[in-house]
Amino acid sequence: DELLAQALRLAPEDRARLAHELLDS
């Protein structure tokens, strides 16, 4: 939940990049 809250504060481009990297993992 803490990680999600931090991730949601990122810029849209950074969230997209993070989501892509998580899926790739």
PDBML (XML) file of the C-alpha atoms, coordinates in Angstrom:
<?xml version="1.0" encoding="UTF-8" ?>
<PDBx:datablock datablockName="MODEL"
   xmlns:PDBx="http://pdbml.pdb.org/schema/pdbx-v50.xsd"
   xmlns:xsi="http://www.w3.org/2001/XMLSchema-instance"
   xsi:schemaLocation="http://pdbml.pdb.org/schema/pdbx-v50.xsd pdbx-v50.xsd">
   <PDBx:atom_siteCategory>
      <PDBx:atom_site id="1">
         <PDBx:B_iso_or_equiv>0.00</PDBx:B_iso_or_equiv>
         <PDBx:Cartn_x>0.000</PDBx:Cartn_x>
         <PDBx:Cartn_y>0.000</PDBx:Cartn_y>
         <PDBx:Cartn_z>0.000</PDBx:Cartn_z>
         <PDBx:auth_asym_id>A</PDBx:auth_asym_id>
         <PDBx:auth_atom_id>CA</PDBx:auth_atom_id>
         <PDBx:auth_comp_id>ASP</PDBx:auth_comp_id>
         <PDBx:auth_seq_id>1</PDBx:auth_seq_id>
         <PDBx:group_PDB>ATOM</PDBx:group_PDB>
         <PDBx:label_alt_id xsi:nil="true" />
         <PDBx:label_asym_id>A</PDBx:label_asym_id>
         <PDBx:label_atom_id>CA</PDBx:label_atom_id>
         <PDBx:label_comp_id>ASP</PDBx:label_comp_id>
         <PDBx:label_entity_id>1</PDBx:label_entity_id>
         <PDBx:label_seq_id>1</PDBx:label_seq_id>
         <PDBx:occupancy>1.00</PDBx:occupancy>
         <PDBx:pdbx_PDB_model_num>1</PDBx:pdbx_PDB_model_num>
         <PDBx:type_symbol>C</PDBx:type_symbol>
      </PDBx:atom_site>
      <PDBx:atom_site id="2">
         <PDBx:B_iso_or_equiv>0.00</PDBx:B_iso_or_equiv>
         <PDBx:Cartn_x>2.857</PDBx:Cartn_x>
         <PDBx:Cartn_y>2.379</PDBx:Cartn_y>
         <PDBx:Cartn_z>0.755</PDBx:Cartn_z>
         <PDBx:auth_asym_id>A</PDBx:auth_asym_id>
         <PDBx:auth_atom_id>CA</PDBx:auth_atom_id>
         <PDBx:auth_comp_id>GLU</PDBx:auth_comp_id>
         <PDBx:auth_seq_id>2</PDBx:auth_seq_id>
         <PDBx:group_PDB>ATOM</PDBx:group_PDB>
         <PDBx:label_alt_id xsi:nil="true" />
         <PDBx:label_asym_id>A</PDBx:label_asym_id>
         <PDBx:label_atom_id>CA</PDBx:label_atom_id>
         <PDBx:label_comp_id>GLU</PDBx:label_comp_id>
         <PDBx:label_entity_id>1</PDBx:label_entity_id>
         <PDBx:label_seq_id>2</PDBx:label_seq_id>
         <PDBx:occupancy>1.00</PDBx:occupancy>
         <PDBx:pdbx_PDB_model_num>1</PDBx:pdbx_PDB_model_num>
         <PDBx:type_symbol>C</PDBx:type_symbol>
      </PDBx:atom_site>
      <PDBx:atom_site id="3">
         <PDBx:B_iso_or_equiv>0.00</PDBx:B_iso_or_equiv>
         <PDBx:Cartn_x>4.540</PDBx:Cartn_x>
         <PDBx:Cartn_y>1.572</PDBx:Cartn_y>
         <PDBx:Cartn_z>-2.542</PDBx:Cartn_z>
         <PDBx:auth_asym_id>A</PDBx:auth_asym_id>
         <PDBx:auth_atom_id>CA</PDBx:auth_atom_id>
         <PDBx:auth_comp_id>LEU</PDBx:auth_comp_id>
         <PDBx:auth_seq_id>3</PDBx:auth_seq_id>
         <PDBx:group_PDB>ATOM</PDBx:group_PDB>
         <PDBx:label_alt_id xsi:nil="true" />
         <PDBx:label_asym_id>A</PDBx:label_asym_id>
         <PDBx:label_atom_id>CA</PDBx:label_atom_id>
         <PDBx:label_comp_id>LEU</PDBx:label_comp_id>
         <PDBx:label_entity_id>1</PDBx:label_entity_id>
         <PDBx:label_seq_id>3</PDBx:label_seq_id>
         <PDBx:occupancy>1.00</PDBx:occupancy>
         <PDBx:pdbx_PDB_model_num>1</PDBx:pdbx_PDB_model_num>
         <PDBx:type_symbol>C</PDBx:type_symbol>
      </PDBx:atom_site>
      <PDBx:atom_site id="4">
         <PDBx:B_iso_or_equiv>0.00</PDBx:B_iso_or_equiv>
         <PDBx:Cartn_x>1.275</PDBx:Cartn_x>
         <PDBx:Cartn_y>2.037</PDBx:Cartn_y>
         <PDBx:Cartn_z>-4.408</PDBx:Cartn_z>
         <PDBx:auth_asym_id>A</PDBx:auth_asym_id>
         <PDBx:auth_atom_id>CA</PDBx:auth_atom_id>
         <PDBx:auth_comp_id>LEU</PDBx:auth_comp_id>
         <PDBx:auth_seq_id>4</PDBx:auth_seq_id>
         <PDBx:group_PDB>ATOM</PDBx:group_PDB>
         <PDBx:label_alt_id xsi:nil="true" />
         <PDBx:label_asym_id>A</PDBx:label_asym_id>
         <PDBx:label_atom_id>CA</PDBx:label_atom_id>
         <PDBx:label_comp_id>LEU</PDBx:label_comp_id>
         <PDBx:label_entity_id>1</PDBx:label_entity_id>
         <PDBx:label_seq_id>4</PDBx:label_seq_id>
         <PDBx:occupancy>1.00</PDBx:occupancy>
         <PDBx:pdbx_PDB_model_num>1</PDBx:pdbx_PDB_model_num>
         <PDBx:type_symbol>C</PDBx:type_symbol>
      </PDBx:atom_site>
      <PDBx:atom_site id="5">
         <PDBx:B_iso_or_equiv>0.00</PDBx:B_iso_or_equiv>
         <PDBx:Cartn_x>0.681</PDBx:Cartn_x>
         <PDBx:Cartn_y>5.416</PDBx:Cartn_y>
         <PDBx:Cartn_z>-2.779</PDBx:Cartn_z>
         <PDBx:auth_asym_id>A</PDBx:auth_asym_id>
         <PDBx:auth_atom_id>CA</PDBx:auth_atom_id>
         <PDBx:auth_comp_id>ALA</PDBx:auth_comp_id>
         <PDBx:auth_seq_id>5</PDBx:auth_seq_id>
         <PDBx:group_PDB>ATOM</PDBx:group_PDB>
         <PDBx:label_alt_id xsi:nil="true" />
         <PDBx:label_asym_id>A</PDBx:label_asym_id>
         <PDBx:label_atom_id>CA</PDBx:label_atom_id>
         <PDBx:label_comp_id>ALA</PDBx:label_comp_id>
         <PDBx:label_entity_id>1</PDBx:label_entity_id>
         <PDBx:label_seq_id>5</PDBx:label_seq_id>
         <PDBx:occupancy>1.00</PDBx:occupancy>
         <PDBx:pdbx_PDB_model_num>1</PDBx:pdbx_PDB_model_num>
         <PDBx:type_symbol>C</PDBx:type_symbol>
      </PDBx:atom_site>
      <PDBx:atom_site id="6">
         <PDBx:B_iso_or_equiv>0.00</PDBx:B_iso_or_equiv>
         <PDBx:Cartn_x>4.184</PDBx:Cartn_x>
         <PDBx:Cartn_y>6.509</PDBx:Cartn_y>
         <PDBx:Cartn_z>-3.768</PDBx:Cartn_z>
         <PDBx:auth_asym_id>A</PDBx:auth_asym_id>
         <PDBx:auth_atom_id>CA</PDBx:auth_atom_id>
         <PDBx:auth_comp_id>GLN</PDBx:auth_comp_id>
         <PDBx:auth_seq_id>6</PDBx:auth_seq_id>
         <PDBx:group_PDB>ATOM</PDBx:group_PDB>
         <PDBx:label_alt_id xsi:nil="true" />
         <PDBx:label_asym_id>A</PDBx:label_asym_id>
         <PDBx:label_atom_id>CA</PDBx:label_atom_id>
         <PDBx:label_comp_id>GLN</PDBx:label_comp_id>
         <PDBx:label_entity_id>1</PDBx:label_entity_id>
         <PDBx:label_seq_id>6</PDBx:label_seq_id>
         <PDBx:occupancy>1.00</PDBx:occupancy>
         <PDBx:pdbx_PDB_model_num>1</PDBx:pdbx_PDB_model_num>
         <PDBx:type_symbol>C</PDBx:type_symbol>
      </PDBx:atom_site>
      <PDBx:atom_site id="7">
         <PDBx:B_iso_or_equiv>0.00</PDBx:B_iso_or_equiv>
         <PDBx:Cartn_x>3.781</PDBx:Cartn_x>
         <PDBx:Cartn_y>5.214</PDBx:Cartn_y>
         <PDBx:Cartn_z>-7.311</PDBx:Cartn_z>
         <PDBx:auth_asym_id>A</PDBx:auth_asym_id>
         <PDBx:auth_atom_id>CA</PDBx:auth_atom_id>
         <PDBx:auth_comp_id>ALA</PDBx:auth_comp_id>
         <PDBx:auth_seq_id>7</PDBx:auth_seq_id>
         <PDBx:group_PDB>ATOM</PDBx:group_PDB>
         <PDBx:label_alt_id xsi:nil="true" />
         <PDBx:label_asym_id>A</PDBx:label_asym_id>
         <PDBx:label_atom_id>CA</PDBx:label_atom_id>
         <PDBx:label_comp_id>ALA</PDBx:label_comp_id>
         <PDBx:label_entity_id>1</PDBx:label_entity_id>
         <PDBx:label_seq_id>7</PDBx:label_seq_id>
         <PDBx:occupancy>1.00</PDBx:occupancy>
         <PDBx:pdbx_PDB_model_num>1</PDBx:pdbx_PDB_model_num>
         <PDBx:type_symbol>C</PDBx:type_symbol>
      </PDBx:atom_site>
      <PDBx:atom_site id="8">
         <PDBx:B_iso_or_equiv>0.00</PDBx:B_iso_or_equiv>
         <PDBx:Cartn_x>0.478</PDBx:Cartn_x>
         <PDBx:Cartn_y>7.055</PDBx:Cartn_y>
         <PDBx:Cartn_z>-7.758</PDBx:Cartn_z>
         <PDBx:auth_asym_id>A</PDBx:auth_asym_id>
         <PDBx:auth_atom_id>CA</PDBx:auth_atom_id>
         <PDBx:auth_comp_id>LEU</PDBx:auth_comp_id>
         <PDBx:auth_seq_id>8</PDBx:auth_seq_id>
         <PDBx:group_PDB>ATOM</PDBx:group_PDB>
         <PDBx:label_alt_id xsi:nil="true" />
         <PDBx:label_asym_id>A</PDBx:label_asym_id>
         <PDBx:label_atom_id>CA</PDBx:label_atom_id>
         <PDBx:label_comp_id>LEU</PDBx:label_comp_id>
         <PDBx:label_entity_id>1</PDBx:label_entity_id>
         <PDBx:label_seq_id>8</PDBx:label_seq_id>
         <PDBx:occupancy>1.00</PDBx:occupancy>
         <PDBx:pdbx_PDB_model_num>1</PDBx:pdbx_PDB_model_num>
         <PDBx:type_symbol>C</PDBx:type_symbol>
      </PDBx:atom_site>
      <PDBx:atom_site id="9">
         <PDBx:B_iso_or_equiv>0.00</PDBx:B_iso_or_equiv>
         <PDBx:Cartn_x>2.246</PDBx:Cartn_x>
         <PDBx:Cartn_y>10.324</PDBx:Cartn_y>
         <PDBx:Cartn_z>-6.984</PDBx:Cartn_z>
         <PDBx:auth_asym_id>A</PDBx:auth_asym_id>
         <PDBx:auth_atom_id>CA</PDBx:auth_atom_id>
         <PDBx:auth_comp_id>ARG</PDBx:auth_comp_id>
         <PDBx:auth_seq_id>9</PDBx:auth_seq_id>
         <PDBx:group_PDB>ATOM</PDBx:group_PDB>
         <PDBx:label_alt_id xsi:nil="true" />
         <PDBx:label_asym_id>A</PDBx:label_asym_id>
         <PDBx:label_atom_id>CA</PDBx:label_atom_id>
         <PDBx:label_comp_id>ARG</PDBx:label_comp_id>
         <PDBx:label_entity_id>1</PDBx:label_entity_id>
         <PDBx:label_seq_id>9</PDBx:label_seq_id>
         <PDBx:occupancy>1.00</PDBx:occupancy>
         <PDBx:pdbx_PDB_model_num>1</PDBx:pdbx_PDB_model_num>
         <PDBx:type_symbol>C</PDBx:type_symbol>
      </PDBx:atom_site>
      <PDBx:atom_site id="10">
         <PDBx:B_iso_or_equiv>0.00</PDBx:B_iso_or_equiv>
         <PDBx:Cartn_x>4.583</PDBx:Cartn_x>
         <PDBx:Cartn_y>9.839</PDBx:Cartn_y>
         <PDBx:Cartn_z>-9.952</PDBx:Cartn_z>
         <PDBx:auth_asym_id>A</PDBx:auth_asym_id>
         <PDBx:auth_atom_id>CA</PDBx:auth_atom_id>
         <PDBx:auth_comp_id>LEU</PDBx:auth_comp_id>
         <PDBx:auth_seq_id>10</PDBx:auth_seq_id>
         <PDBx:group_PDB>ATOM</PDBx:group_PDB>
         <PDBx:label_alt_id xsi:nil="true" />
         <PDBx:label_asym_id>A</PDBx:label_asym_id>
         <PDBx:label_atom_id>CA</PDBx:label_atom_id>
         <PDBx:label_comp_id>LEU</PDBx:label_comp_id>
         <PDBx:label_entity_id>1</PDBx:label_entity_id>
         <PDBx:label_seq_id>10</PDBx:label_seq_id>
         <PDBx:occupancy>1.00</PDBx:occupancy>
         <PDBx:pdbx_PDB_model_num>1</PDBx:pdbx_PDB_model_num>
         <PDBx:type_symbol>C</PDBx:type_symbol>
      </PDBx:atom_site>
      <PDBx:atom_site id="11">
         <PDBx:B_iso_or_equiv>0.00</PDBx:B_iso_or_equiv>
         <PDBx:Cartn_x>4.082</PDBx:Cartn_x>
         <PDBx:Cartn_y>11.643</PDBx:Cartn_y>
         <PDBx:Cartn_z>-13.247</PDBx:Cartn_z>
         <PDBx:auth_asym_id>A</PDBx:auth_asym_id>
         <PDBx:auth_atom_id>CA</PDBx:auth_atom_id>
         <PDBx:auth_comp_id>ALA</PDBx:auth_comp_id>
         <PDBx:auth_seq_id>11</PDBx:auth_seq_id>
         <PDBx:group_PDB>ATOM</PDBx:group_PDB>
         <PDBx:label_alt_id xsi:nil="true" />
         <PDBx:label_asym_id>A</PDBx:label_asym_id>
         <PDBx:label_atom_id>CA</PDBx:label_atom_id>
         <PDBx:label_comp_id>ALA</PDBx:label_comp_id>
         <PDBx:label_entity_id>1</PDBx:label_entity_id>
         <PDBx:label_seq_id>11</PDBx:label_seq_id>
         <PDBx:occupancy>1.00</PDBx:occupancy>
         <PDBx:pdbx_PDB_model_num>1</PDBx:pdbx_PDB_model_num>
         <PDBx:type_symbol>C</PDBx:type_symbol>
      </PDBx:atom_site>
      <PDBx:atom_site id="12">
         <PDBx:B_iso_or_equiv>0.00</PDBx:B_iso_or_equiv>
         <PDBx:Cartn_x>1.983</PDBx:Cartn_x>
         <PDBx:Cartn_y>9.641</PDBx:Cartn_y>
         <PDBx:Cartn_z>-15.751</PDBx:Cartn_z>
         <PDBx:auth_asym_id>A</PDBx:auth_asym_id>
         <PDBx:auth_atom_id>CA</PDBx:auth_atom_id>
         <PDBx:auth_comp_id>PRO</PDBx:auth_comp_id>
         <PDBx:auth_seq_id>12</PDBx:auth_seq_id>
         <PDBx:group_PDB>ATOM</PDBx:group_PDB>
         <PDBx:label_alt_id xsi:nil="true" />
         <PDBx:label_asym_id>A</PDBx:label_asym_id>
         <PDBx:label_atom_id>CA</PDBx:label_atom_id>
         <PDBx:label_comp_id>PRO</PDBx:label_comp_id>
         <PDBx:label_entity_id>1</PDBx:label_entity_id>
         <PDBx:label_seq_id>12</PDBx:label_seq_id>
         <PDBx:occupancy>1.00</PDBx:occupancy>
         <PDBx:pdbx_PDB_model_num>1</PDBx:pdbx_PDB_model_num>
         <PDBx:type_symbol>C</PDBx:type_symbol>
      </PDBx:atom_site>
      <PDBx:atom_site id="13">
         <PDBx:B_iso_or_equiv>0.00</PDBx:B_iso_or_equiv>
         <PDBx:Cartn_x>5.023</PDBx:Cartn_x>
         <PDBx:Cartn_y>8.831</PDBx:Cartn_y>
         <PDBx:Cartn_z>-17.906</PDBx:Cartn_z>
         <PDBx:auth_asym_id>A</PDBx:auth_asym_id>
         <PDBx:auth_atom_id>CA</PDBx:auth_atom_id>
         <PDBx:auth_comp_id>GLU</PDBx:auth_comp_id>
         <PDBx:auth_seq_id>13</PDBx:auth_seq_id>
         <PDBx:group_PDB>ATOM</PDBx:group_PDB>
         <PDBx:label_alt_id xsi:nil="true" />
         <PDBx:label_asym_id>A</PDBx:label_asym_id>
         <PDBx:label_atom_id>CA</PDBx:label_atom_id>
         <PDBx:label_comp_id>GLU</PDBx:label_comp_id>
         <PDBx:label_entity_id>1</PDBx:label_entity_id>
         <PDBx:label_seq_id>13</PDBx:label_seq_id>
         <PDBx:occupancy>1.00</PDBx:occupancy>
         <PDBx:pdbx_PDB_model_num>1</PDBx:pdbx_PDB_model_num>
         <PDBx:type_symbol>C</PDBx:type_symbol>
      </PDBx:atom_site>
      <PDBx:atom_site id="14">
         <PDBx:B_iso_or_equiv>0.00</PDBx:B_iso_or_equiv>
         <PDBx:Cartn_x>6.917</PDBx:Cartn_x>
         <PDBx:Cartn_y>7.513</PDBx:Cartn_y>
         <PDBx:Cartn_z>-14.884</PDBx:Cartn_z>
         <PDBx:auth_asym_id>A</PDBx:auth_asym_id>
         <PDBx:auth_atom_id>CA</PDBx:auth_atom_id>
         <PDBx:auth_comp_id>ASP</PDBx:auth_comp_id>
         <PDBx:auth_seq_id>14</PDBx:auth_seq_id>
         <PDBx:group_PDB>ATOM</PDBx:group_PDB>
         <PDBx:label_alt_id xsi:nil="true" />
         <PDBx:label_asym_id>A</PDBx:label_asym_id>
         <PDBx:label_atom_id>CA</PDBx:label_atom_id>
         <PDBx:label_comp_id>ASP</PDBx:label_comp_id>
         <PDBx:label_entity_id>1</PDBx:label_entity_id>
         <PDBx:label_seq_id>14</PDBx:label_seq_id>
         <PDBx:occupancy>1.00</PDBx:occupancy>
         <PDBx:pdbx_PDB_model_num>1</PDBx:pdbx_PDB_model_num>
         <PDBx:type_symbol>C</PDBx:type_symbol>
      </PDBx:atom_site>
      <PDBx:atom_site id="15">
         <PDBx:B_iso_or_equiv>0.00</PDBx:B_iso_or_equiv>
         <PDBx:Cartn_x>3.923</PDBx:Cartn_x>
         <PDBx:Cartn_y>5.418</PDBx:Cartn_y>
         <PDBx:Cartn_z>-13.766</PDBx:Cartn_z>
         <PDBx:auth_asym_id>A</PDBx:auth_asym_id>
         <PDBx:auth_atom_id>CA</PDBx:auth_atom_id>
         <PDBx:auth_comp_id>ARG</PDBx:auth_comp_id>
         <PDBx:auth_seq_id>15</PDBx:auth_seq_id>
         <PDBx:group_PDB>ATOM</PDBx:group_PDB>
         <PDBx:label_alt_id xsi:nil="true" />
         <PDBx:label_asym_id>A</PDBx:label_asym_id>
         <PDBx:label_atom_id>CA</PDBx:label_atom_id>
         <PDBx:label_comp_id>ARG</PDBx:label_comp_id>
         <PDBx:label_entity_id>1</PDBx:label_entity_id>
         <PDBx:label_seq_id>15</PDBx:label_seq_id>
         <PDBx:occupancy>1.00</PDBx:occupancy>
         <PDBx:pdbx_PDB_model_num>1</PDBx:pdbx_PDB_model_num>
         <PDBx:type_symbol>C</PDBx:type_symbol>
      </PDBx:atom_site>
      <PDBx:atom_site id="16">
         <PDBx:B_iso_or_equiv>0.00</PDBx:B_iso_or_equiv>
         <PDBx:Cartn_x>3.697</PDBx:Cartn_x>
         <PDBx:Cartn_y>3.918</PDBx:Cartn_y>
         <PDBx:Cartn_z>-17.249</PDBx:Cartn_z>
         <PDBx:auth_asym_id>A</PDBx:auth_asym_id>
         <PDBx:auth_atom_id>CA</PDBx:auth_atom_id>
         <PDBx:auth_comp_id>ALA</PDBx:auth_comp_id>
         <PDBx:auth_seq_id>16</PDBx:auth_seq_id>
         <PDBx:group_PDB>ATOM</PDBx:group_PDB>
         <PDBx:label_alt_id xsi:nil="true" />
         <PDBx:label_asym_id>A</PDBx:label_asym_id>
         <PDBx:label_atom_id>CA</PDBx:label_atom_id>
         <PDBx:label_comp_id>ALA</PDBx:label_comp_id>
         <PDBx:label_entity_id>1</PDBx:label_entity_id>
         <PDBx:label_seq_id>16</PDBx:label_seq_id>
         <PDBx:occupancy>1.00</PDBx:occupancy>
         <PDBx:pdbx_PDB_model_num>1</PDBx:pdbx_PDB_model_num>
         <PDBx:type_symbol>C</PDBx:type_symbol>
      </PDBx:atom_site>
      <PDBx:atom_site id="17">
         <PDBx:B_iso_or_equiv>0.00</PDBx:B_iso_or_equiv>
         <PDBx:Cartn_x>7.406</PDBx:Cartn_x>
         <PDBx:Cartn_y>3.102</PDBx:Cartn_y>
         <PDBx:Cartn_z>-17.252</PDBx:Cartn_z>
         <PDBx:auth_asym_id>A</PDBx:auth_asym_id>
         <PDBx:auth_atom_id>CA</PDBx:auth_atom_id>
         <PDBx:auth_comp_id>ARG</PDBx:auth_comp_id>
         <PDBx:auth_seq_id>17</PDBx:auth_seq_id>
         <PDBx:group_PDB>ATOM</PDBx:group_PDB>
         <PDBx:label_alt_id xsi:nil="true" />
         <PDBx:label_asym_id>A</PDBx:label_asym_id>
         <PDBx:label_atom_id>CA</PDBx:label_atom_id>
         <PDBx:label_comp_id>ARG</PDBx:label_comp_id>
         <PDBx:label_entity_id>1</PDBx:label_entity_id>
         <PDBx:label_seq_id>17</PDBx:label_seq_id>
         <PDBx:occupancy>1.00</PDBx:occupancy>
         <PDBx:pdbx_PDB_model_num>1</PDBx:pdbx_PDB_model_num>
         <PDBx:type_symbol>C</PDBx:type_symbol>
      </PDBx:atom_site>
      <PDBx:atom_site id="18">
         <PDBx:B_iso_or_equiv>0.00</PDBx:B_iso_or_equiv>
         <PDBx:Cartn_x>7.144</PDBx:Cartn_x>
         <PDBx:Cartn_y>1.569</PDBx:Cartn_y>
         <PDBx:Cartn_z>-13.776</PDBx:Cartn_z>
         <PDBx:auth_asym_id>A</PDBx:auth_asym_id>
         <PDBx:auth_atom_id>CA</PDBx:auth_atom_id>
         <PDBx:auth_comp_id>LEU</PDBx:auth_comp_id>
         <PDBx:auth_seq_id>18</PDBx:auth_seq_id>
         <PDBx:group_PDB>ATOM</PDBx:group_PDB>
         <PDBx:label_alt_id xsi:nil="true" />
         <PDBx:label_asym_id>A</PDBx:label_asym_id>
         <PDBx:label_atom_id>CA</PDBx:label_atom_id>
         <PDBx:label_comp_id>LEU</PDBx:label_comp_id>
         <PDBx:label_entity_id>1</PDBx:label_entity_id>
         <PDBx:label_seq_id>18</PDBx:label_seq_id>
         <PDBx:occupancy>1.00</PDBx:occupancy>
         <PDBx:pdbx_PDB_model_num>1</PDBx:pdbx_PDB_model_num>
         <PDBx:type_symbol>C</PDBx:type_symbol>
      </PDBx:atom_site>
      <PDBx:atom_site id="19">
         <PDBx:B_iso_or_equiv>0.00</PDBx:B_iso_or_equiv>
         <PDBx:Cartn_x>4.119</PDBx:Cartn_x>
         <PDBx:Cartn_y>-0.511</PDBx:Cartn_y>
         <PDBx:Cartn_z>-14.781</PDBx:Cartn_z>
         <PDBx:auth_asym_id>A</PDBx:auth_asym_id>
         <PDBx:auth_atom_id>CA</PDBx:auth_atom_id>
         <PDBx:auth_comp_id>ALA</PDBx:auth_comp_id>
         <PDBx:auth_seq_id>19</PDBx:auth_seq_id>
         <PDBx:group_PDB>ATOM</PDBx:group_PDB>
         <PDBx:label_alt_id xsi:nil="true" />
         <PDBx:label_asym_id>A</PDBx:label_asym_id>
         <PDBx:label_atom_id>CA</PDBx:label_atom_id>
         <PDBx:label_comp_id>ALA</PDBx:label_comp_id>
         <PDBx:label_entity_id>1</PDBx:label_entity_id>
         <PDBx:label_seq_id>19</PDBx:label_seq_id>
         <PDBx:occupancy>1.00</PDBx:occupancy>
         <PDBx:pdbx_PDB_model_num>1</PDBx:pdbx_PDB_model_num>
         <PDBx:type_symbol>C</PDBx:type_symbol>
      </PDBx:atom_site>
      <PDBx:atom_site id="20">
         <PDBx:B_iso_or_equiv>0.00</PDBx:B_iso_or_equiv>
         <PDBx:Cartn_x>5.948</PDBx:Cartn_x>
         <PDBx:Cartn_y>-1.756</PDBx:Cartn_y>
         <PDBx:Cartn_z>-17.867</PDBx:Cartn_z>
         <PDBx:auth_asym_id>A</PDBx:auth_asym_id>
         <PDBx:auth_atom_id>CA</PDBx:auth_atom_id>
         <PDBx:auth_comp_id>HIS</PDBx:auth_comp_id>
         <PDBx:auth_seq_id>20</PDBx:auth_seq_id>
         <PDBx:group_PDB>ATOM</PDBx:group_PDB>
         <PDBx:label_alt_id xsi:nil="true" />
         <PDBx:label_asym_id>A</PDBx:label_asym_id>
         <PDBx:label_atom_id>CA</PDBx:label_atom_id>
         <PDBx:label_comp_id>HIS</PDBx:label_comp_id>
         <PDBx:label_entity_id>1</PDBx:label_entity_id>
         <PDBx:label_seq_id>20</PDBx:label_seq_id>
         <PDBx:occupancy>1.00</PDBx:occupancy>
         <PDBx:pdbx_PDB_model_num>1</PDBx:pdbx_PDB_model_num>
         <PDBx:type_symbol>C</PDBx:type_symbol>
      </PDBx:atom_site>
      <PDBx:atom_site id="21">
         <PDBx:B_iso_or_equiv>0.00</PDBx:B_iso_or_equiv>
         <PDBx:Cartn_x>9.023</PDBx:Cartn_x>
         <PDBx:Cartn_y>-2.699</PDBx:Cartn_y>
         <PDBx:Cartn_z>-15.850</PDBx:Cartn_z>
         <PDBx:auth_asym_id>A</PDBx:auth_asym_id>
         <PDBx:auth_atom_id>CA</PDBx:auth_atom_id>
         <PDBx:auth_comp_id>GLU</PDBx:auth_comp_id>
         <PDBx:auth_seq_id>21</PDBx:auth_seq_id>
         <PDBx:group_PDB>ATOM</PDBx:group_PDB>
         <PDBx:label_alt_id xsi:nil="true" />
         <PDBx:label_asym_id>A</PDBx:label_asym_id>
         <PDBx:label_atom_id>CA</PDBx:label_atom_id>
         <PDBx:label_comp_id>GLU</PDBx:label_comp_id>
         <PDBx:label_entity_id>1</PDBx:label_entity_id>
         <PDBx:label_seq_id>21</PDBx:label_seq_id>
         <PDBx:occupancy>1.00</PDBx:occupancy>
         <PDBx:pdbx_PDB_model_num>1</PDBx:pdbx_PDB_model_num>
         <PDBx:type_symbol>C</PDBx:type_symbol>
      </PDBx:atom_site>
      <PDBx:atom_site id="22">
         <PDBx:B_iso_or_equiv>0.00</PDBx:B_iso_or_equiv>
         <PDBx:Cartn_x>6.922</PDBx:Cartn_x>
         <PDBx:Cartn_y>-4.497</PDBx:Cartn_y>
         <PDBx:Cartn_z>-13.232</PDBx:Cartn_z>
         <PDBx:auth_asym_id>A</PDBx:auth_asym_id>
         <PDBx:auth_atom_id>CA</PDBx:auth_atom_id>
         <PDBx:auth_comp_id>LEU</PDBx:auth_comp_id>
         <PDBx:auth_seq_id>22</PDBx:auth_seq_id>
         <PDBx:group_PDB>ATOM</PDBx:group_PDB>
         <PDBx:label_alt_id xsi:nil="true" />
         <PDBx:label_asym_id>A</PDBx:label_asym_id>
         <PDBx:label_atom_id>CA</PDBx:label_atom_id>
         <PDBx:label_comp_id>LEU</PDBx:label_comp_id>
         <PDBx:label_entity_id>1</PDBx:label_entity_id>
         <PDBx:label_seq_id>22</PDBx:label_seq_id>
         <PDBx:occupancy>1.00</PDBx:occupancy>
         <PDBx:pdbx_PDB_model_num>1</PDBx:pdbx_PDB_model_num>
         <PDBx:type_symbol>C</PDBx:type_symbol>
      </PDBx:atom_site>
      <PDBx:atom_site id="23">
         <PDBx:B_iso_or_equiv>0.00</PDBx:B_iso_or_equiv>
         <PDBx:Cartn_x>5.100</PDBx:Cartn_x>
         <PDBx:Cartn_y>-6.488</PDBx:Cartn_y>
         <PDBx:Cartn_z>-15.907</PDBx:Cartn_z>
         <PDBx:auth_asym_id>A</PDBx:auth_asym_id>
         <PDBx:auth_atom_id>CA</PDBx:auth_atom_id>
         <PDBx:auth_comp_id>LEU</PDBx:auth_comp_id>
         <PDBx:auth_seq_id>23</PDBx:auth_seq_id>
         <PDBx:group_PDB>ATOM</PDBx:group_PDB>
         <PDBx:label_alt_id xsi:nil="true" />
         <PDBx:label_asym_id>A</PDBx:label_asym_id>
         <PDBx:label_atom_id>CA</PDBx:label_atom_id>
         <PDBx:label_comp_id>LEU</PDBx:label_comp_id>
         <PDBx:label_entity_id>1</PDBx:label_entity_id>
         <PDBx:label_seq_id>23</PDBx:label_seq_id>
         <PDBx:occupancy>1.00</PDBx:occupancy>
         <PDBx:pdbx_PDB_model_num>1</PDBx:pdbx_PDB_model_num>
         <PDBx:type_symbol>C</PDBx:type_symbol>
      </PDBx:atom_site>
      <PDBx:atom_site id="24">
         <PDBx:B_iso_or_equiv>0.00</PDBx:B_iso_or_equiv>
         <PDBx:Cartn_x>8.383</PDBx:Cartn_x>
         <PDBx:Cartn_y>-7.349</PDBx:Cartn_y>
         <PDBx:Cartn_z>-17.593</PDBx:Cartn_z>
         <PDBx:auth_asym_id>A</PDBx:auth_asym_id>
         <PDBx:auth_atom_id>CA</PDBx:auth_atom_id>
         <PDBx:auth_comp_id>ASP</PDBx:auth_comp_id>
         <PDBx:auth_seq_id>24</PDBx:auth_seq_id>
         <PDBx:group_PDB>ATOM</PDBx:group_PDB>
         <PDBx:label_alt_id xsi:nil="true" />
         <PDBx:label_asym_id>A</PDBx:label_asym_id>
         <PDBx:label_atom_id>CA</PDBx:label_atom_id>
         <PDBx:label_comp_id>ASP</PDBx:label_comp_id>
         <PDBx:label_entity_id>1</PDBx:label_entity_id>
         <PDBx:label_seq_id>24</PDBx:label_seq_id>
         <PDBx:occupancy>1.00</PDBx:occupancy>
         <PDBx:pdbx_PDB_model_num>1</PDBx:pdbx_PDB_model_num>
         <PDBx:type_symbol>C</PDBx:type_symbol>
      </PDBx:atom_site>
      <PDBx:atom_site id="25">
         <PDBx:B_iso_or_equiv>0.00</PDBx:B_iso_or_equiv>
         <PDBx:Cartn_x>9.685</PDBx:Cartn_x>
         <PDBx:Cartn_y>-8.654</PDBx:Cartn_y>
         <PDBx:Cartn_z>-14.277</PDBx:Cartn_z>
         <PDBx:auth_asym_id>A</PDBx:auth_asym_id>
         <PDBx:auth_atom_id>CA</PDBx:auth_atom_id>
         <PDBx:auth_comp_id>SER</PDBx:auth_comp_id>
         <PDBx:auth_seq_id>25</PDBx:auth_seq_id>
         <PDBx:group_PDB>ATOM</PDBx:group_PDB>
         <PDBx:label_alt_id xsi:nil="true" />
         <PDBx:label_asym_id>A</PDBx:label_asym_id>
         <PDBx:label_atom_id>CA</PDBx:label_atom_id>
         <PDBx:label_comp_id>SER</PDBx:label_comp_id>
         <PDBx:label_entity_id>1</PDBx:label_entity_id>
         <PDBx:label_seq_id>25</PDBx:label_seq_id>
         <PDBx:occupancy>1.00</PDBx:occupancy>
         <PDBx:pdbx_PDB_model_num>1</PDBx:pdbx_PDB_model_num>
         <PDBx:type_symbol>C</PDBx:type_symbol>
      </PDBx:atom_site>
   </PDBx:atom_siteCategory>
</PDBx:datablock>
